[in-house]
PDB file of N, CA and C in Angstrom:
ATOM      1  N   UNK A   1      28.833 138.179  95.187  1.00  0.00           N
ATOM      2  CA  UNK A   1      27.451 138.161  94.731  1.00  0.00           C
ATOM      3  C   UNK A   1      27.131 139.459  94.058  1.00  0.00           C
ATOM      4  N   UNK A   2      26.079 139.384  93.234  1.00  0.00           N
ATOM      5  CA  UNK A   2      25.737 140.546  92.398  1.00  0.00           C
ATOM      6  C   UNK A   2      24.338 141.054  92.765  1.00  0.00           C
ATOM      7  N   UNK A   3      24.187 142.304  92.998  1.00  0.00           N
ATOM      8  CA  UNK A   3      22.854 142.921  93.273  1.00  0.00           C
ATOM      9  C   UNK A   3      22.508 143.734  92.149  1.00  0.00           C
ATOM     10  N   UNK A   4      21.392 143.350  91.510  1.00  0.00           N
ATOM     11  CA  UNK A   4      20.770 144.157  90.494  1.00  0.00           C
ATOM     12  C   UNK A   4      19.685 145.043  91.084  1.00  0.00           C
ATOM     13  N   UNK A   5      19.860 146.314  90.985  1.00  0.00           N
ATOM     14  CA  UNK A   5      18.871 147.233  91.608  1.00  0.00           C
ATOM     15  C   UNK A   5      18.778 148.505  90.856  1.00  0.00           C
ATOM     16  N   UNK A   6      17.745 149.320  91.289  1.00  0.00           N
ATOM     17  CA  UNK A   6      17.541 150.639  90.711  1.00  0.00           C
ATOM     18  C   UNK A   6      17.702 151.597  91.832  1.00  0.00           C
ATOM     19  N   UNK A   7      18.681 152.496  91.740  1.00  0.00           N
ATOM     20  CA  UNK A   7      19.033 153.332  92.916  1.00  0.00           C
ATOM     21  C   UNK A   7      17.985 154.225  93.481  1.00  0.00           C
ATOM     22  N   UNK A   8      16.846 154.494  92.631  1.00  0.00           N
ATOM     23  CA  UNK A   8      15.774 155.313  93.182  1.00  0.00           C
ATOM     24  C   UNK A   8      14.655 154.485  93.815  1.00  0.00           C
ATOM     25  N   UNK A   9      14.780 153.162  93.724  1.00  0.00           N
ATOM     26  CA  UNK A   9      13.786 152.242  94.314  1.00  0.00           C
ATOM     27  C   UNK A   9      13.849 152.066  95.789  1.00  0.00           C
ATOM     28  N   UNK A  10      12.814 152.318  96.443  1.00  0.00           N
ATOM     29  CA  UNK A  10      12.855 152.301  97.956  1.00  0.00           C
ATOM     30  C   UNK A  10      13.117 150.901  98.463  1.00  0.00           C
ATOM     31  N   UNK A  11      12.685 149.860  97.817  1.00  0.00           N
ATOM     32  CA  UNK A  11      12.931 148.476  98.249  1.00  0.00           C
ATOM     33  C   UNK A  11      14.397 148.163  98.052  1.00  0.00           C
ATOM     34  N   UNK A  12      14.940 148.647  96.925  1.00  0.00           N
ATOM     35  CA  UNK A  12      16.384 148.420  96.709  1.00  0.00           C
ATOM     36  C   UNK A  12      17.248 149.122  97.750  1.00  0.00           C
ATOM     37  N   UNK A  13      16.859 150.317  98.084  1.00  0.00           N
ATOM     38  CA  UNK A  13      17.531 151.139  99.121  1.00  0.00           C
ATOM     39  C   UNK A  13      17.493 150.346 100.450  1.00  0.00           C
ATOM     40  N   UNK A  14      16.346 149.727 100.831  1.00  0.00           N
ATOM     41  CA  UNK A  14      16.242 148.996 102.038  1.00  0.00           C
ATOM     42  C   UNK A  14      17.145 147.752 102.027  1.00  0.00           C
ATOM     43  N   UNK A  15      17.201 147.062 100.824  1.00  0.00           N
ATOM     44  CA  UNK A  15      18.090 145.939 100.689  1.00  0.00           C
ATOM     45  C   UNK A  15      19.556 146.352 100.889  1.00  0.00           C
ATOM     46  N   UNK A  16      19.893 147.411 100.271  1.00  0.00           N
ATOM     47  CA  UNK A  16      21.333 147.865 100.382  1.00  0.00           C
ATOM     48  C   UNK A  16      21.701 148.273 101.820  1.00  0.00           C
ATOM     49  N   UNK A  17      20.769 148.903 102.446  1.00  0.00           N
ATOM     50  CA  UNK A  17      20.962 149.190 103.819  1.00  0.00           C
ATOM     51  C   UNK A  17      21.113 147.964 104.695  1.00  0.00           C
ATOM     52  N   UNK A  18      20.320 146.959 104.434  1.00  0.00           N
ATOM     53  CA  UNK A  18      20.366 145.744 105.174  1.00  0.00           C
ATOM     54  C   UNK A  18      21.678 145.040 104.931  1.00  0.00           C
ATOM     55  N   UNK A  19      22.072 144.986 103.727  1.00  0.00           N
ATOM     56  CA  UNK A  19      23.403 144.432 103.360  1.00  0.00           C
ATOM     57  C   UNK A  19      24.528 145.103 104.120  1.00  0.00           C
ATOM     58  N   UNK A  20      24.561 146.396 104.039  1.00  0.00           N
ATOM     59  CA  UNK A  20      25.560 147.200 104.760  1.00  0.00           C
ATOM     60  C   UNK A  20      25.564 146.947 106.256  1.00  0.00           C
ATOM     61  N   UNK A  21      24.402 146.993 106.875  1.00  0.00           N
ATOM     62  CA  UNK A  21      24.261 146.741 108.278  1.00  0.00           C
ATOM     63  C   UNK A  21      24.787 145.388 108.733  1.00  0.00           C
ATOM     64  N   UNK A  22      24.675 144.432 107.834  1.00  0.00           N
ATOM     65  CA  UNK A  22      25.036 143.041 108.067  1.00  0.00           C
ATOM     66  C   UNK A  22      26.417 142.751 107.475  1.00  0.00           C
ATOM     67  N   UNK A  23      27.117 143.814 107.060  1.00  0.00           N
ATOM     68  CA  UNK A  23      28.502 143.773 106.524  1.00  0.00           C
ATOM     69  C   UNK A  23      28.678 142.684 105.459  1.00  0.00           C
ATOM     70  N   UNK A  24      27.707 142.610 104.531  1.00  0.00           N
ATOM     71  CA  UNK A  24      27.761 141.718 103.451  1.00  0.00           C
ATOM     72  C   UNK A  24      28.204 142.533 102.191  1.00  0.00           C
ATOM     73  N   UNK A  25      29.301 142.046 101.610  1.00  0.00           N
ATOM     74  CA  UNK A  25      29.872 142.700 100.459  1.00  0.00           C
ATOM     75  C   UNK A  25      29.236 142.255  99.124  1.00  0.00           C
ATOM     76  N   UNK A  26      28.889 143.070  98.342  1.00  0.00           N
ATOM     77  CA  UNK A  26      28.288 142.725  97.058  1.00  0.00           C
ATOM     78  C   UNK A  26      28.801 143.673  95.911  1.00  0.00           C
ATOM     79  N   UNK A  27      28.709 143.212  94.685  1.00  0.00           N
ATOM     80  CA  UNK A  27      28.887 144.026  93.577  1.00  0.00           C
ATOM     81  C   UNK A  27      27.468 144.505  93.160  1.00  0.00           C
ATOM     82  N   UNK A  28      27.314 145.716  92.729  1.00  0.00           N
ATOM     83  CA  UNK A  28      25.965 146.096  92.322  1.00  0.00           C
ATOM     84  C   UNK A  28      25.988 146.581  90.901  1.00  0.00           C
ATOM     85  N   UNK A  29      24.707 146.470  90.271  1.00  0.00           N
ATOM     86  CA  UNK A  29      24.531 146.915  88.889  1.00  0.00           C
ATOM     87  C   UNK A  29      23.170 147.580  88.776  1.00  0.00           C
ATOM     88  N   UNK A  30      23.167 148.747  88.159  1.00  0.00           N
ATOM     89  CA  UNK A  30      21.961 149.512  87.958  1.00  0.00           C
ATOM     90  C   UNK A  30      21.211 148.827  86.830  1.00  0.00           C
ATOM     91  N   UNK A  31      20.080 148.196  87.189  1.00  0.00           N
ATOM     92  CA  UNK A  31      19.276 147.410  86.274  1.00  0.00           C
ATOM     93  C   UNK A  31      18.611 148.326  85.064  1.00  0.00           C
ATOM     94  N   UNK A  32      18.525 149.624  85.343  1.00  0.00           N
ATOM     95  CA  UNK A  32      17.937 150.453  84.330  1.00  0.00           C
ATOM     96  C   UNK A  32      18.983 150.779  83.271  1.00  0.00           C
ATOM     97  N   UNK A  33      20.265 150.794  83.635  1.00  0.00           N
ATOM     98  CA  UNK A  33      21.322 151.088  82.676  1.00  0.00           C
ATOM     99  C   UNK A  33      21.896 149.905  82.053  1.00  0.00           C
ATOM    100  N   UNK A  34      21.975 148.810  82.789  1.00  0.00           N
ATOM    101  CA  UNK A  34      22.721 147.575  82.317  1.00  0.00           C
ATOM    102  C   UNK A  34      21.743 146.390  82.471  1.00  0.00           C
ATOM    103  N   UNK A  35      20.879 146.266  81.428  1.00  0.00           N
ATOM    104  CA  UNK A  35      19.896 145.200  81.477  1.00  0.00           C
ATOM    105  C   UNK A  35      20.500 143.823  81.544  1.00  0.00           C
ATOM    106  N   UNK A  36      19.861 142.948  82.274  1.00  0.00           N
ATOM    107  CA  UNK A  36      20.309 141.534  82.242  1.00  0.00           C
ATOM    108  C   UNK A  36      20.112 141.012  80.844  1.00  0.00           C
ATOM    109  N   UNK A  37      21.044 140.181  80.323  1.00  0.00           N
ATOM    110  CA  UNK A  37      20.912 139.480  79.054  1.00  0.00           C
ATOM    111  C   UNK A  37      19.980 138.319  79.208  1.00  0.00           C
ATOM    112  N   UNK A  38      19.555 137.872  78.019  1.00  0.00           N
ATOM    113  CA  UNK A  38      18.746 136.604  77.936  1.00  0.00           C
ATOM    114  C   UNK A  38      19.378 135.515  78.599  1.00  0.00           C
ATOM    115  N   UNK A  39      20.629 135.405  78.337  1.00  0.00           N
ATOM    116  CA  UNK A  39      21.436 134.240  78.946  1.00  0.00           C
ATOM    117  C   UNK A  39      21.564 134.320  80.471  1.00  0.00           C
ATOM    118  N   UNK A  40      21.796 135.601  81.038  1.00  0.00           N
ATOM    119  CA  UNK A  40      21.798 135.755  82.417  1.00  0.00           C
ATOM    120  C   UNK A  40      20.454 135.467  83.054  1.00  0.00           C
ATOM    121  N   UNK A  41      19.472 135.938  82.496  1.00  0.00           N
ATOM    122  CA  UNK A  41      18.061 135.738  83.062  1.00  0.00           C
ATOM    123  C   UNK A  41      17.685 134.269  83.012  1.00  0.00           C
ATOM    124  N   UNK A  42      18.005 133.527  81.925  1.00  0.00           N
ATOM    125  CA  UNK A  42      17.639 132.160  81.901  1.00  0.00           C
ATOM    126  C   UNK A  42      18.377 131.400  82.953  1.00  0.00           C
ATOM    127  N   UNK A  43      19.639 131.728  83.147  1.00  0.00           N
ATOM    128  CA  UNK A  43      20.456 130.960  84.121  1.00  0.00           C
ATOM    129  C   UNK A  43      19.917 131.308  85.549  1.00  0.00           C
ATOM    130  N   UNK A  44      19.607 132.588  85.801  1.00  0.00           N
ATOM    131  CA  UNK A  44      19.128 132.966  87.113  1.00  0.00           C
ATOM    132  C   UNK A  44      17.763 132.387  87.433  1.00  0.00           C
ATOM    133  N   UNK A  45      16.890 132.425  86.496  1.00  0.00           N
ATOM    134  CA  UNK A  45      15.580 131.818  86.676  1.00  0.00           C
ATOM    135  C   UNK A  45      15.636 130.412  87.010  1.00  0.00           C
ATOM    136  N   UNK A  46      16.486 129.614  86.257  1.00  0.00           N
ATOM    137  CA  UNK A  46      16.718 128.271  86.545  1.00  0.00           C
ATOM    138  C   UNK A  46      17.277 128.035  87.931  1.00  0.00           C
ATOM    139  N   UNK A  47      18.199 128.810  88.314  1.00  0.00           N
ATOM    140  CA  UNK A  47      18.863 128.698  89.602  1.00  0.00           C
ATOM    141  C   UNK A  47      17.977 129.064  90.773  1.00  0.00           C
ATOM    142  N   UNK A  48      16.990 129.957  90.519  1.00  0.00           N
ATOM    143  CA  UNK A  48      16.093 130.395  91.535  1.00  0.00           C
ATOM    144  C   UNK A  48      15.021 129.379  91.895  1.00  0.00           C
ATOM    145  N   UNK A  49      14.726 128.566  90.885  1.00  0.00           N
ATOM    146  CA  UNK A  49      13.677 127.582  91.070  1.00  0.00           C
ATOM    147  C   UNK A  49      12.232 128.198  90.987  1.00  0.00           C
ATOM    148  N   UNK A  50      12.219 129.469  90.571  1.00  0.00           N
ATOM    149  CA  UNK A  50      10.925 130.205  90.534  1.00  0.00           C
ATOM    150  C   UNK A  50      10.452 130.172  89.079  1.00  0.00           C
ATOM    151  N   UNK A  51       9.174 130.404  88.829  1.00  0.00           N
ATOM    152  CA  UNK A  51       8.620 130.585  87.467  1.00  0.00           C
ATOM    153  C   UNK A  51       9.016 131.901  86.954  1.00  0.00           C
ATOM    154  N   UNK A  52       9.195 132.032  85.657  1.00  0.00           N
ATOM    155  CA  UNK A  52       9.577 133.303  84.982  1.00  0.00           C
ATOM    156  C   UNK A  52       8.666 134.504  85.515  1.00  0.00           C
ATOM    157  N   UNK A  53       7.410 134.280  85.683  1.00  0.00           N
ATOM    158  CA  UNK A  53       6.512 135.250  86.047  1.00  0.00           C
ATOM    159  C   UNK A  53       6.925 136.028  87.419  1.00  0.00           C
ATOM    160  N   UNK A  54       7.650 135.303  88.257  1.00  0.00           N
ATOM    161  CA  UNK A  54       8.048 135.958  89.500  1.00  0.00           C
ATOM    162  C   UNK A  54       9.177 136.959  89.297  1.00  0.00           C
ATOM    163  N   UNK A  55       9.793 137.020  88.106  1.00  0.00           N
ATOM    164  CA  UNK A  55      10.893 137.979  87.806  1.00  0.00           C
ATOM    165  C   UNK A  55      10.300 139.261  87.236  1.00  0.00           C
ATOM    166  N   UNK A  56       8.986 139.375  87.056  1.00  0.00           N
ATOM    167  CA  UNK A  56       8.414 140.645  86.541  1.00  0.00           C
ATOM    168  C   UNK A  56       8.082 141.558  87.601  1.00  0.00           C
ATOM    169  N   UNK A  57       8.413 142.860  87.444  1.00  0.00           N
ATOM    170  CA  UNK A  57       8.001 143.995  88.329  1.00  0.00           C
ATOM    171  C   UNK A  57       6.615 144.343  87.947  1.00  0.00           C
ATOM    172  N   UNK A  58       5.667 143.641  88.604  1.00  0.00           N
ATOM    173  CA  UNK A  58       4.282 143.832  88.313  1.00  0.00           C
ATOM    174  C   UNK A  58       3.714 145.151  88.796  1.00  0.00           C
ATOM    175  N   UNK A  59       4.403 145.869  89.533  1.00  0.00           N
ATOM    176  CA  UNK A  59       3.906 147.245  90.050  1.00  0.00           C
ATOM    177  C   UNK A  59       4.501 148.387  89.209  1.00  0.00           C
ATOM    178  N   UNK A  60       5.321 148.008  88.212  1.00  0.00           N
ATOM    179  CA  UNK A  60       6.058 148.981  87.427  1.00  0.00           C
ATOM    180  C   UNK A  60       5.211 149.631  86.351  1.00  0.00           C
ATOM    181  N   UNK A  61       5.583 150.751  85.923  1.00  0.00           N
ATOM    182  CA  UNK A  61       4.784 151.467  84.873  1.00  0.00           C
ATOM    183  C   UNK A  61       4.816 150.751  83.532  1.00  0.00           C
ATOM    184  N   UNK A  62       5.943 150.258  83.140  1.00  0.00           N
ATOM    185  CA  UNK A  62       6.084 149.633  81.832  1.00  0.00           C
ATOM    186  C   UNK A  62       5.251 148.376  81.788  1.00  0.00           C
ATOM    187  N   UNK A  63       5.270 147.624  82.920  1.00  0.00           N
ATOM    188  CA  UNK A  63       4.464 146.379  82.961  1.00  0.00           C
ATOM    189  C   UNK A  63       2.944 146.769  82.728  1.00  0.00           C
ATOM    190  N   UNK A  64       2.533 147.766  83.426  1.00  0.00           N
ATOM    191  CA  UNK A  64       1.162 148.246  83.330  1.00  0.00           C
ATOM    192  C   UNK A  64       0.835 148.809  81.995  1.00  0.00           C
ATOM    193  N   UNK A  65       1.705 149.708  81.447  1.00  0.00           N
ATOM    194  CA  UNK A  65       1.532 150.343  80.226  1.00  0.00           C
ATOM    195  C   UNK A  65       1.419 149.309  78.998  1.00  0.00           C
ATOM    196  N   UNK A  66       2.174 148.277  79.090  1.00  0.00           N
ATOM    197  CA  UNK A  66       2.178 147.279  78.040  1.00  0.00           C
ATOM    198  C   UNK A  66       1.197 146.184  78.284  1.00  0.00           C
ATOM    199  N   UNK A  67       0.285 146.305  79.359  1.00  0.00           N
ATOM    200  CA  UNK A  67      -0.702 145.295  79.712  1.00  0.00           C
ATOM    201  C   UNK A  67      -0.113 143.911  79.635  1.00  0.00           C
ATOM    202  N   UNK A  68       0.897 143.625  80.410  1.00  0.00           N
ATOM    203  CA  UNK A  68       1.577 142.392  80.409  1.00  0.00           C
ATOM    204  C   UNK A  68       0.998 141.301  81.322  1.00  0.00           C
ATOM    205  N   UNK A  69       0.026 141.652  82.075  1.00  0.00           N
ATOM    206  CA  UNK A  69      -0.573 140.746  83.042  1.00  0.00           C
ATOM    207  C   UNK A  69      -0.976 139.439  82.394  1.00  0.00           C
ATOM    208  N   UNK A  70      -1.691 139.505  81.320  1.00  0.00           N
ATOM    209  CA  UNK A  70      -2.256 138.312  80.659  1.00  0.00           C
ATOM    210  C   UNK A  70      -1.153 137.541  79.923  1.00  0.00           C
ATOM    211  N   UNK A  71      -0.287 138.357  79.316  1.00  0.00           N
ATOM    212  CA  UNK A  71       0.812 137.772  78.481  1.00  0.00           C
ATOM    213  C   UNK A  71       1.722 136.991  79.441  1.00  0.00           C
ATOM    214  N   UNK A  72       1.947 137.394  80.636  1.00  0.00           N
ATOM    215  CA  UNK A  72       2.871 136.736  81.603  1.00  0.00           C
ATOM    216  C   UNK A  72       2.272 135.375  81.966  1.00  0.00           C
ATOM    217  N   UNK A  73       0.916 135.291  81.942  1.00  0.00           N
ATOM    218  CA  UNK A  73       0.284 134.070  82.363  1.00  0.00           C
ATOM    219  C   UNK A  73       0.288 133.014  81.215  1.00  0.00           C
ATOM    220  N   UNK A  74       0.438 133.496  79.917  1.00  0.00           N
ATOM    221  CA  UNK A  74       0.186 132.506  78.799  1.00  0.00           C
ATOM    222  C   UNK A  74       1.377 132.366  77.873  1.00  0.00           C
ATOM    223  N   UNK A  75       2.232 133.340  77.801  1.00  0.00           N
ATOM    224  CA  UNK A  75       3.374 133.255  76.889  1.00  0.00           C
ATOM    225  C   UNK A  75       4.434 132.232  77.276  1.00  0.00           C
ATOM    226  N   UNK A  76       5.160 131.609  76.344  1.00  0.00           N
ATOM    227  CA  UNK A  76       6.165 130.681  76.717  1.00  0.00           C
ATOM    228  C   UNK A  76       7.313 131.353  77.364  1.00  0.00           C
ATOM    229  N   UNK A  77       8.105 130.665  78.082  1.00  0.00           N
ATOM    230  CA  UNK A  77       9.222 131.196  78.947  1.00  0.00           C
ATOM    231  C   UNK A  77      10.222 131.981  78.059  1.00  0.00           C
ATOM    232  N   UNK A  78      10.533 131.460  76.897  1.00  0.00           N
ATOM    233  CA  UNK A  78      11.537 132.160  76.070  1.00  0.00           C
ATOM    234  C   UNK A  78      11.031 133.533  75.643  1.00  0.00           C
ATOM    235  N   UNK A  79       9.779 133.732  75.357  1.00  0.00           N
ATOM    236  CA  UNK A  79       9.172 135.060  75.081  1.00  0.00           C
ATOM    237  C   UNK A  79       9.167 135.987  76.271  1.00  0.00           C
ATOM    238  N   UNK A  80       8.960 135.400  77.397  1.00  0.00           N
ATOM    239  CA  UNK A  80       9.006 136.253  78.578  1.00  0.00           C
ATOM    240  C   UNK A  80      10.394 136.652  78.949  1.00  0.00           C
ATOM    241  N   UNK A  81      11.374 135.762  78.792  1.00  0.00           N
ATOM    242  CA  UNK A  81      12.719 136.181  79.023  1.00  0.00           C
ATOM    243  C   UNK A  81      13.191 137.211  78.083  1.00  0.00           C
ATOM    244  N   UNK A  82      12.732 137.107  76.767  1.00  0.00           N
ATOM    245  CA  UNK A  82      13.074 138.148  75.798  1.00  0.00           C
ATOM    246  C   UNK A  82      12.557 139.466  76.224  1.00  0.00           C
ATOM    247  N   UNK A  83      11.309 139.540  76.747  1.00  0.00           N
ATOM    248  CA  UNK A  83      10.714 140.756  77.304  1.00  0.00           C
ATOM    249  C   UNK A  83      11.512 141.351  78.444  1.00  0.00           C
ATOM    250  N   UNK A  84      11.894 140.444  79.317  1.00  0.00           N
ATOM    251  CA  UNK A  84      12.661 140.908  80.536  1.00  0.00           C
ATOM    252  C   UNK A  84      14.020 141.538  80.123  1.00  0.00           C
ATOM    253  N   UNK A  85      14.683 140.934  79.086  1.00  0.00           N
ATOM    254  CA  UNK A  85      15.992 141.374  78.642  1.00  0.00           C
ATOM    255  C   UNK A  85      15.917 142.691  77.810  1.00  0.00           C
ATOM    256  N   UNK A  86      14.733 143.083  77.342  1.00  0.00           N
ATOM    257  CA  UNK A  86      14.617 144.274  76.602  1.00  0.00           C
ATOM    258  C   UNK A  86      14.613 145.533  77.480  1.00  0.00           C
ATOM    259  N   UNK A  87      14.229 145.399  78.724  1.00  0.00           N
ATOM    260  CA  UNK A  87      14.130 146.594  79.593  1.00  0.00           C
ATOM    261  C   UNK A  87      14.343 146.107  81.073  1.00  0.00           C
ATOM    262  N   UNK A  88      15.364 146.557  81.695  1.00  0.00           N
ATOM    263  CA  UNK A  88      15.642 146.189  83.068  1.00  0.00           C
ATOM    264  C   UNK A  88      14.546 146.609  84.055  1.00  0.00           C
ATOM    265  N   UNK A  89      13.762 147.630  83.675  1.00  0.00           N
ATOM    266  CA  UNK A  89      12.685 148.159  84.592  1.00  0.00           C
ATOM    267  C   UNK A  89      11.527 147.133  84.607  1.00  0.00           C
ATOM    268  N   UNK A  90      11.467 146.122  83.747  1.00  0.00           N
ATOM    269  CA  UNK A  90      10.501 145.164  83.823  1.00  0.00           C
ATOM    270  C   UNK A  90      10.870 144.096  84.842  1.00  0.00           C
ATOM    271  N   UNK A  91      12.108 144.030  85.246  1.00  0.00           N
ATOM    272  CA  UNK A  91      12.616 142.989  86.155  1.00  0.00           C
ATOM    273  C   UNK A  91      12.348 143.393  87.596  1.00  0.00           C
ATOM    274  N   UNK A  92      11.771 142.386  88.350  1.00  0.00           N
ATOM    275  CA  UNK A  92      11.531 142.681  89.799  1.00  0.00           C
ATOM    276  C   UNK A  92      12.920 142.863  90.508  1.00  0.00           C
ATOM    277  N   UNK A  93      12.932 143.864  91.305  1.00  0.00           N
ATOM    278  CA  UNK A  93      14.198 144.215  92.057  1.00  0.00           C
ATOM    279  C   UNK A  93      13.911 144.424  93.517  1.00  0.00           C
ATOM    280  N   UNK A  94      14.977 144.277  94.277  1.00  0.00           N
ATOM    281  CA  UNK A  94      16.311 143.969  93.958  1.00  0.00           C
ATOM    282  C   UNK A  94      16.446 142.477  93.544  1.00  0.00           C
ATOM    283  N   UNK A  95      17.452 142.167  92.789  1.00  0.00           N
ATOM    284  CA  UNK A  95      17.703 140.760  92.423  1.00  0.00           C
ATOM    285  C   UNK A  95      19.107 140.457  92.929  1.00  0.00           C
ATOM    286  N   UNK A  96      19.245 139.530  93.889  1.00  0.00           N
ATOM    287  CA  UNK A  96      20.522 139.099  94.442  1.00  0.00           C
ATOM    288  C   UNK A  96      20.891 137.772  93.848  1.00  0.00           C
ATOM    289  N   UNK A  97      22.006 137.834  93.138  1.00  0.00           N
ATOM    290  CA  UNK A  97      22.496 136.601  92.400  1.00  0.00           C
ATOM    291  C   UNK A  97      23.746 136.119  93.113  1.00  0.00           C
ATOM    292  N   UNK A  98      23.675 134.923  93.674  1.00  0.00           N
ATOM    293  CA  UNK A  98      24.874 134.273  94.230  1.00  0.00           C
ATOM    294  C   UNK A  98      25.137 132.997  93.445  1.00  0.00           C
ATOM    295  N   UNK A  99      26.236 132.352  93.789  1.00  0.00           N
ATOM    296  CA  UNK A  99      26.632 131.165  93.027  1.00  0.00           C
ATOM    297  C   UNK A  99      25.594 130.020  93.118  1.00  0.00           C
ATOM    298  N   UNK A 100      24.973 129.916  94.356  1.00  0.00           N
ATOM    299  CA  UNK A 100      24.103 128.748  94.511  1.00  0.00           C
ATOM    300  C   UNK A 100      22.666 129.194  94.798  1.00  0.00           C
ATOM    301  N   UNK A 101      22.303 130.440  94.690  1.00  0.00           N
ATOM    302  CA  UNK A 101      20.901 130.854  94.820  1.00  0.00           C
ATOM    303  C   UNK A 101      20.691 132.210  94.215  1.00  0.00           C
ATOM    304  N   UNK A 102      19.423 132.559  93.895  1.00  0.00           N
ATOM    305  CA  UNK A 102      18.967 133.836  93.449  1.00  0.00           C
ATOM    306  C   UNK A 102      17.767 134.298  94.222  1.00  0.00           C
ATOM    307  N   UNK A 103      17.825 135.464  94.780  1.00  0.00           N
ATOM    308  CA  UNK A 103      16.676 136.019  95.511  1.00  0.00           C
ATOM    309  C   UNK A 103      16.075 137.197  94.765  1.00  0.00           C
ATOM    310  N   UNK A 104      14.791 137.128  94.667  1.00  0.00           N
ATOM    311  CA  UNK A 104      13.981 138.026  93.870  1.00  0.00           C
ATOM    312  C   UNK A 104      13.184 138.898  94.795  1.00  0.00           C
ATOM    313  N   UNK A 105      13.455 140.297  94.812  1.00  0.00           N
ATOM    314  CA  UNK A 105      12.687 141.063  95.751  1.00  0.00           C
ATOM    315  C   UNK A 105      13.395 141.108  97.039  1.00  0.00           C
ATOM    316  N   UNK A 106      13.016 141.927  97.985  1.00  0.00           N
ATOM    317  CA  UNK A 106      13.640 141.973  99.349  1.00  0.00           C
ATOM    318  C   UNK A 106      12.653 141.557 100.305  1.00  0.00           C
ATOM    319  N   UNK A 107      12.824 140.336 100.852  1.00  0.00           N
ATOM    320  CA  UNK A 107      12.163 139.795 102.000  1.00  0.00           C
ATOM    321  C   UNK A 107      13.196 139.493 103.008  1.00  0.00           C
ATOM    322  N   UNK A 108      13.260 140.289 104.030  1.00  0.00           N
ATOM    323  CA  UNK A 108      14.313 140.196 105.049  1.00  0.00           C
ATOM    324  C   UNK A 108      14.505 138.766 105.530  1.00  0.00           C
ATOM    325  N   UNK A 109      13.387 138.015 105.747  1.00  0.00           N
ATOM    326  CA  UNK A 109      13.542 136.672 106.277  1.00  0.00           C
ATOM    327  C   UNK A 109      14.245 135.801 105.332  1.00  0.00           C
ATOM    328  N   UNK A 110      13.923 135.913 104.148  1.00  0.00           N
ATOM    329  CA  UNK A 110      14.601 135.013 103.034  1.00  0.00           C
ATOM    330  C   UNK A 110      16.077 135.395 102.931  1.00  0.00           C
ATOM    331  N   UNK A 111      16.356 136.718 103.002  1.00  0.00           N
ATOM    332  CA  UNK A 111      17.750 137.082 102.872  1.00  0.00           C
ATOM    333  C   UNK A 111      18.494 136.662 104.105  1.00  0.00           C
ATOM    334  N   UNK A 112      17.959 136.714 105.274  1.00  0.00           N
ATOM    335  CA  UNK A 112      18.669 136.262 106.520  1.00  0.00           C
ATOM    336  C   UNK A 112      18.934 134.767 106.355  1.00  0.00           C
ATOM    337  N   UNK A 113      17.956 134.035 105.889  1.00  0.00           N
ATOM    338  CA  UNK A 113      18.140 132.559 105.783  1.00  0.00           C
ATOM    339  C   UNK A 113      19.309 132.222 104.810  1.00  0.00           C
ATOM    340  N   UNK A 114      19.398 132.932 103.754  1.00  0.00           N
ATOM    341  CA  UNK A 114      20.432 132.613 102.788  1.00  0.00           C
ATOM    342  C   UNK A 114      21.788 133.336 103.049  1.00  0.00           C
ATOM    343  N   UNK A 115      21.838 134.352 103.799  1.00  0.00           N
ATOM    344  CA  UNK A 115      23.065 135.133 103.918  1.00  0.00           C
ATOM    345  C   UNK A 115      23.685 135.072 105.283  1.00  0.00           C
ATOM    346  N   UNK A 116      22.998 134.618 106.231  1.00  0.00           N
ATOM    347  CA  UNK A 116      23.722 134.535 107.593  1.00  0.00           C
ATOM    348  C   UNK A 116      24.095 133.167 108.005  1.00  0.00           C
TER     349      UNK A 116
END
């Protein structure tokens, strides 16, 4: 499994701690340094079953500075995926990518259901 995270993010730190406590091994990638590609994002979004809008870090500075709230509601998926691929800090994190599922954000109940 691959964990996309930002090391300074408190939620990412909680997720990593939870994974360690539950002895779940993952590969990790700093989303701020190594942005997900358009192809990766398209695949993960499809695999997640979630709308593209759920992949945006709506509490992030870049999201707010660029006033993306309305655009995320109206733009076509391919434009939104382009935006997400431009800057990893726009992507909601942590993002846990497994072969048969993708988890967006850290909700312990969801992670338990998929990982235990």
